[in-house]
Amino acid sequence: MSGLQMLPECTRCGNGIVGTIVKARDKLYHPECFMCDDCGLNLKQRGYFFLEEQLYCETHAKERVKPPEGYDVVAVYPNAKVELV
């Protein structure tokens, strides 16, 4: 059947997306599938982090990052004012 357009595919569930699409790092998601890979928290209008191609909330991303000894993990968001001390 020519003329049918293929639906964009959700990265998480693999089903076609009709309606609203969430795009993050060139990956597409249903709004309800855009969630932390650990806790399932919906990340819409929240900070989100990609680590090794997995999607995480700030809490679970920080748990996976191992800074050098003596340093802390700090999330810096776009347009945030950062002062170096």
N, C-alpha and C. Protein backbone atom coordinates (compact mmCIF):
# COMPACT_ATOMS: atom_id res chain seq x y z
N MET A 1 0.83 -1.19 0.00
CA MET A 1 0.00 0.00 0.00
C MET A 1 0.87 1.24 0.00
N SER A 2 1.10 1.79 -1.15
CA SER A 2 1.90 3.00 -1.20
C SER A 2 1.07 4.17 -0.67
N GLY A 3 1.75 5.17 -0.20
CA GLY A 3 1.04 6.32 0.34
C GLY A 3 0.91 6.26 1.85
N LEU A 4 1.12 5.08 2.46
CA LEU A 4 1.06 5.00 3.93
C LEU A 4 2.39 5.45 4.49
N GLN A 5 2.31 6.27 5.50
CA GLN A 5 3.52 6.77 6.12
C GLN A 5 3.84 5.93 7.35
N MET A 6 5.12 5.56 7.49
CA MET A 6 5.54 4.79 8.66
C MET A 6 5.52 5.69 9.89
N LEU A 7 5.05 5.14 11.01
CA LEU A 7 5.04 5.89 12.27
C LEU A 7 6.43 5.89 12.88
N PRO A 8 6.80 7.00 13.52
CA PRO A 8 8.07 6.98 14.25
C PRO A 8 7.97 5.95 15.37
N GLU A 9 9.09 5.29 15.67
CA GLU A 9 9.10 4.20 16.66
C GLU A 9 9.66 4.68 17.99
N CYS A 10 8.99 4.32 19.08
CA CYS A 10 9.43 4.66 20.43
C CYS A 10 10.67 3.84 20.79
N THR A 11 11.69 4.51 21.29
CA THR A 11 12.93 3.85 21.68
C THR A 11 12.71 2.85 22.81
N ARG A 12 11.83 3.18 23.76
CA ARG A 12 11.62 2.30 24.92
C ARG A 12 10.76 1.09 24.59
N CYS A 13 9.57 1.30 24.04
CA CYS A 13 8.64 0.18 23.87
C CYS A 13 8.63 -0.41 22.46
N GLY A 14 9.17 0.34 21.50
CA GLY A 14 9.24 -0.16 20.13
C GLY A 14 7.97 0.01 19.33
N ASN A 15 6.91 0.54 19.92
CA ASN A 15 5.65 0.76 19.20
C ASN A 15 5.67 2.08 18.47
N GLY A 16 4.80 2.20 17.47
CA GLY A 16 4.68 3.45 16.71
C GLY A 16 4.12 4.56 17.58
N ILE A 17 4.55 5.78 17.30
CA ILE A 17 4.10 6.94 18.07
C ILE A 17 3.12 7.74 17.24
N VAL A 18 1.93 7.94 17.79
CA VAL A 18 0.91 8.80 17.18
C VAL A 18 0.67 9.94 18.16
N GLY A 19 0.71 11.16 17.68
CA GLY A 19 0.47 12.30 18.57
C GLY A 19 1.78 12.89 19.08
N THR A 20 1.80 13.20 20.36
CA THR A 20 2.95 13.87 20.97
C THR A 20 4.17 12.96 21.01
N ILE A 21 5.31 13.50 20.61
CA ILE A 21 6.59 12.77 20.62
C ILE A 21 7.56 13.52 21.51
N VAL A 22 8.28 12.80 22.35
CA VAL A 22 9.37 13.38 23.13
C VAL A 22 10.67 12.97 22.42
N LYS A 23 11.51 13.97 22.13
CA LYS A 23 12.78 13.69 21.47
C LYS A 23 13.91 14.11 22.40
N ALA A 24 14.81 13.18 22.67
CA ALA A 24 15.98 13.48 23.50
C ALA A 24 17.17 12.75 22.89
N ARG A 25 18.21 13.49 22.58
CA ARG A 25 19.43 12.94 21.99
C ARG A 25 19.12 12.07 20.77
N ASP A 26 18.32 12.59 19.89
CA ASP A 26 17.92 11.92 18.65
C ASP A 26 17.18 10.61 18.87
N LYS A 27 16.66 10.38 20.06
CA LYS A 27 15.82 9.22 20.34
C LYS A 27 14.40 9.70 20.54
N LEU A 28 13.44 8.90 20.12
CA LEU A 28 12.03 9.28 20.21
C LEU A 28 11.31 8.42 21.24
N TYR A 29 10.38 9.04 21.97
CA TYR A 29 9.64 8.34 23.03
C TYR A 29 8.18 8.79 23.03
N HIS A 30 7.29 7.89 23.45
CA HIS A 30 5.94 8.32 23.85
C HIS A 30 6.15 9.14 25.12
N PRO A 31 5.30 10.14 25.41
CA PRO A 31 5.48 10.90 26.66
C PRO A 31 5.49 9.99 27.90
N GLU A 32 4.68 8.93 27.91
CA GLU A 32 4.63 8.04 29.06
C GLU A 32 5.82 7.07 29.13
N CYS A 33 6.56 6.94 28.03
CA CYS A 33 7.75 6.06 28.00
C CYS A 33 9.04 6.81 28.32
N PHE A 34 8.97 8.14 28.43
CA PHE A 34 10.14 8.95 28.71
C PHE A 34 10.37 8.94 30.22
N MET A 35 11.05 7.88 30.69
CA MET A 35 11.20 7.69 32.14
C MET A 35 12.57 7.14 32.49
N CYS A 36 12.90 7.25 33.77
CA CYS A 36 14.17 6.74 34.30
C CYS A 36 14.20 5.22 34.15
N ASP A 37 15.33 4.70 33.67
CA ASP A 37 15.48 3.26 33.50
C ASP A 37 15.52 2.51 34.83
N ASP A 38 15.82 3.22 35.92
CA ASP A 38 15.86 2.57 37.24
C ASP A 38 14.53 2.60 37.97
N CYS A 39 14.01 3.80 38.17
CA CYS A 39 12.84 3.93 39.06
C CYS A 39 11.52 4.15 38.33
N GLY A 40 11.57 4.40 37.02
CA GLY A 40 10.34 4.61 36.26
C GLY A 40 9.76 6.01 36.40
N LEU A 41 10.47 6.93 37.05
CA LEU A 41 10.00 8.30 37.21
C LEU A 41 9.87 8.94 35.83
N ASN A 42 8.73 9.54 35.54
CA ASN A 42 8.55 10.22 34.26
C ASN A 42 9.43 11.46 34.25
N LEU A 43 10.21 11.63 33.20
CA LEU A 43 11.20 12.69 33.14
C LEU A 43 10.73 13.92 32.36
N LYS A 44 9.47 13.93 31.98
CA LYS A 44 8.94 15.08 31.26
C LYS A 44 9.00 16.30 32.18
N GLN A 45 9.60 17.37 31.70
CA GLN A 45 9.79 18.62 32.42
C GLN A 45 10.65 18.45 33.68
N ARG A 46 11.58 17.49 33.65
CA ARG A 46 12.55 17.28 34.72
C ARG A 46 13.92 17.17 34.06
N GLY A 47 14.94 17.18 34.87
CA GLY A 47 16.27 16.93 34.34
C GLY A 47 16.40 15.46 34.00
N TYR A 48 17.11 15.16 32.93
CA TYR A 48 17.35 13.76 32.58
C TYR A 48 18.79 13.63 32.11
N PHE A 49 19.32 12.44 32.22
CA PHE A 49 20.72 12.20 31.92
C PHE A 49 20.86 10.90 31.15
N PHE A 50 21.72 10.90 30.12
CA PHE A 50 22.05 9.69 29.39
C PHE A 50 23.40 9.20 29.87
N LEU A 51 23.46 7.98 30.31
CA LEU A 51 24.72 7.34 30.67
C LEU A 51 24.75 6.00 29.96
N GLU A 52 25.76 5.82 29.12
CA GLU A 52 25.89 4.59 28.33
C GLU A 52 24.59 4.25 27.61
N GLU A 53 24.01 5.28 26.99
CA GLU A 53 22.77 5.16 26.20
C GLU A 53 21.53 4.80 27.02
N GLN A 54 21.61 4.84 28.34
CA GLN A 54 20.45 4.61 29.20
C GLN A 54 19.99 5.96 29.73
N LEU A 55 18.69 6.07 30.00
CA LEU A 55 18.08 7.32 30.44
C LEU A 55 17.82 7.25 31.94
N TYR A 56 18.27 8.28 32.69
CA TYR A 56 18.13 8.27 34.15
C TYR A 56 17.67 9.62 34.68
N CYS A 57 17.02 9.59 35.84
CA CYS A 57 16.72 10.80 36.59
C CYS A 57 18.02 11.25 37.25
N GLU A 58 18.03 12.45 37.81
CA GLU A 58 19.25 12.98 38.42
C GLU A 58 19.76 12.09 39.54
N THR A 59 18.88 11.60 40.40
CA THR A 59 19.28 10.76 41.53
C THR A 59 20.01 9.51 41.06
N HIS A 60 19.45 8.80 40.10
CA HIS A 60 20.05 7.55 39.66
C HIS A 60 21.26 7.76 38.75
N ALA A 61 21.32 8.88 38.05
CA ALA A 61 22.51 9.19 37.25
C ALA A 61 23.69 9.44 38.19
N LYS A 62 23.45 10.19 39.26
CA LYS A 62 24.52 10.47 40.23
C LYS A 62 25.04 9.20 40.88
N GLU A 63 24.17 8.22 41.11
CA GLU A 63 24.60 6.96 41.72
C GLU A 63 25.57 6.19 40.81
N ARG A 64 25.49 6.42 39.50
CA ARG A 64 26.31 5.68 38.55
C ARG A 64 27.63 6.36 38.20
N VAL A 65 27.75 7.63 38.55
CA VAL A 65 28.95 8.38 38.20
C VAL A 65 29.95 8.28 39.36
N LYS A 66 31.17 7.92 39.03
CA LYS A 66 32.23 7.79 40.03
C LYS A 66 33.25 8.90 39.81
N PRO A 67 33.14 10.01 40.58
CA PRO A 67 34.12 11.09 40.42
C PRO A 67 35.46 10.71 41.04
N PRO A 68 36.52 11.40 40.65
CA PRO A 68 37.82 11.14 41.28
C PRO A 68 37.73 11.39 42.79
N GLU A 69 38.55 10.72 43.53
CA GLU A 69 38.54 10.86 44.99
C GLU A 69 38.70 12.32 45.39
N GLY A 70 37.87 12.76 46.32
CA GLY A 70 37.91 14.13 46.79
C GLY A 70 36.99 15.08 46.05
N TYR A 71 36.30 14.58 45.04
CA TYR A 71 35.39 15.42 44.26
C TYR A 71 33.95 14.91 44.41
N ASP A 72 33.00 15.81 44.22
CA ASP A 72 31.58 15.45 44.27
C ASP A 72 30.98 15.57 42.88
N VAL A 73 29.89 14.85 42.66
CA VAL A 73 29.14 14.96 41.41
C VAL A 73 28.17 16.13 41.54
N VAL A 74 28.18 17.01 40.55
CA VAL A 74 27.28 18.16 40.55
C VAL A 74 26.62 18.23 39.18
N ALA A 75 25.30 18.34 39.15
CA ALA A 75 24.57 18.50 37.89
C ALA A 75 24.50 19.98 37.57
N VAL A 76 24.88 20.34 36.35
CA VAL A 76 24.81 21.72 35.89
C VAL A 76 23.84 21.75 34.71
N TYR A 77 22.80 22.55 34.83
CA TYR A 77 21.77 22.63 33.80
C TYR A 77 22.06 23.77 32.84
N PRO A 78 21.60 23.66 31.60
CA PRO A 78 21.79 24.75 30.63
C PRO A 78 21.25 26.06 31.20
N ASN A 79 21.94 27.14 30.90
CA ASN A 79 21.57 28.51 31.32
C ASN A 79 21.69 28.72 32.82
N ALA A 80 22.27 27.77 33.55
CA ALA A 80 22.48 27.95 34.99
C ALA A 80 23.71 28.83 35.19
N LYS A 81 23.67 29.65 36.21
CA LYS A 81 24.83 30.48 36.55
C LYS A 81 25.72 29.66 37.46
N VAL A 82 26.95 29.47 37.05
CA VAL A 82 27.90 28.66 37.80
C VAL A 82 29.07 29.55 38.21
N GLU A 83 29.40 29.49 39.48
CA GLU A 83 30.54 30.25 39.98
C GLU A 83 31.63 29.28 40.40
N LEU A 84 32.81 29.41 39.83
CA LEU A 84 33.92 28.55 40.17
C LEU A 84 34.62 29.12 41.39
N VAL A 85 34.90 28.26 42.36
CA VAL A 85 35.59 28.72 43.57
C VAL A 85 36.87 27.96 43.76
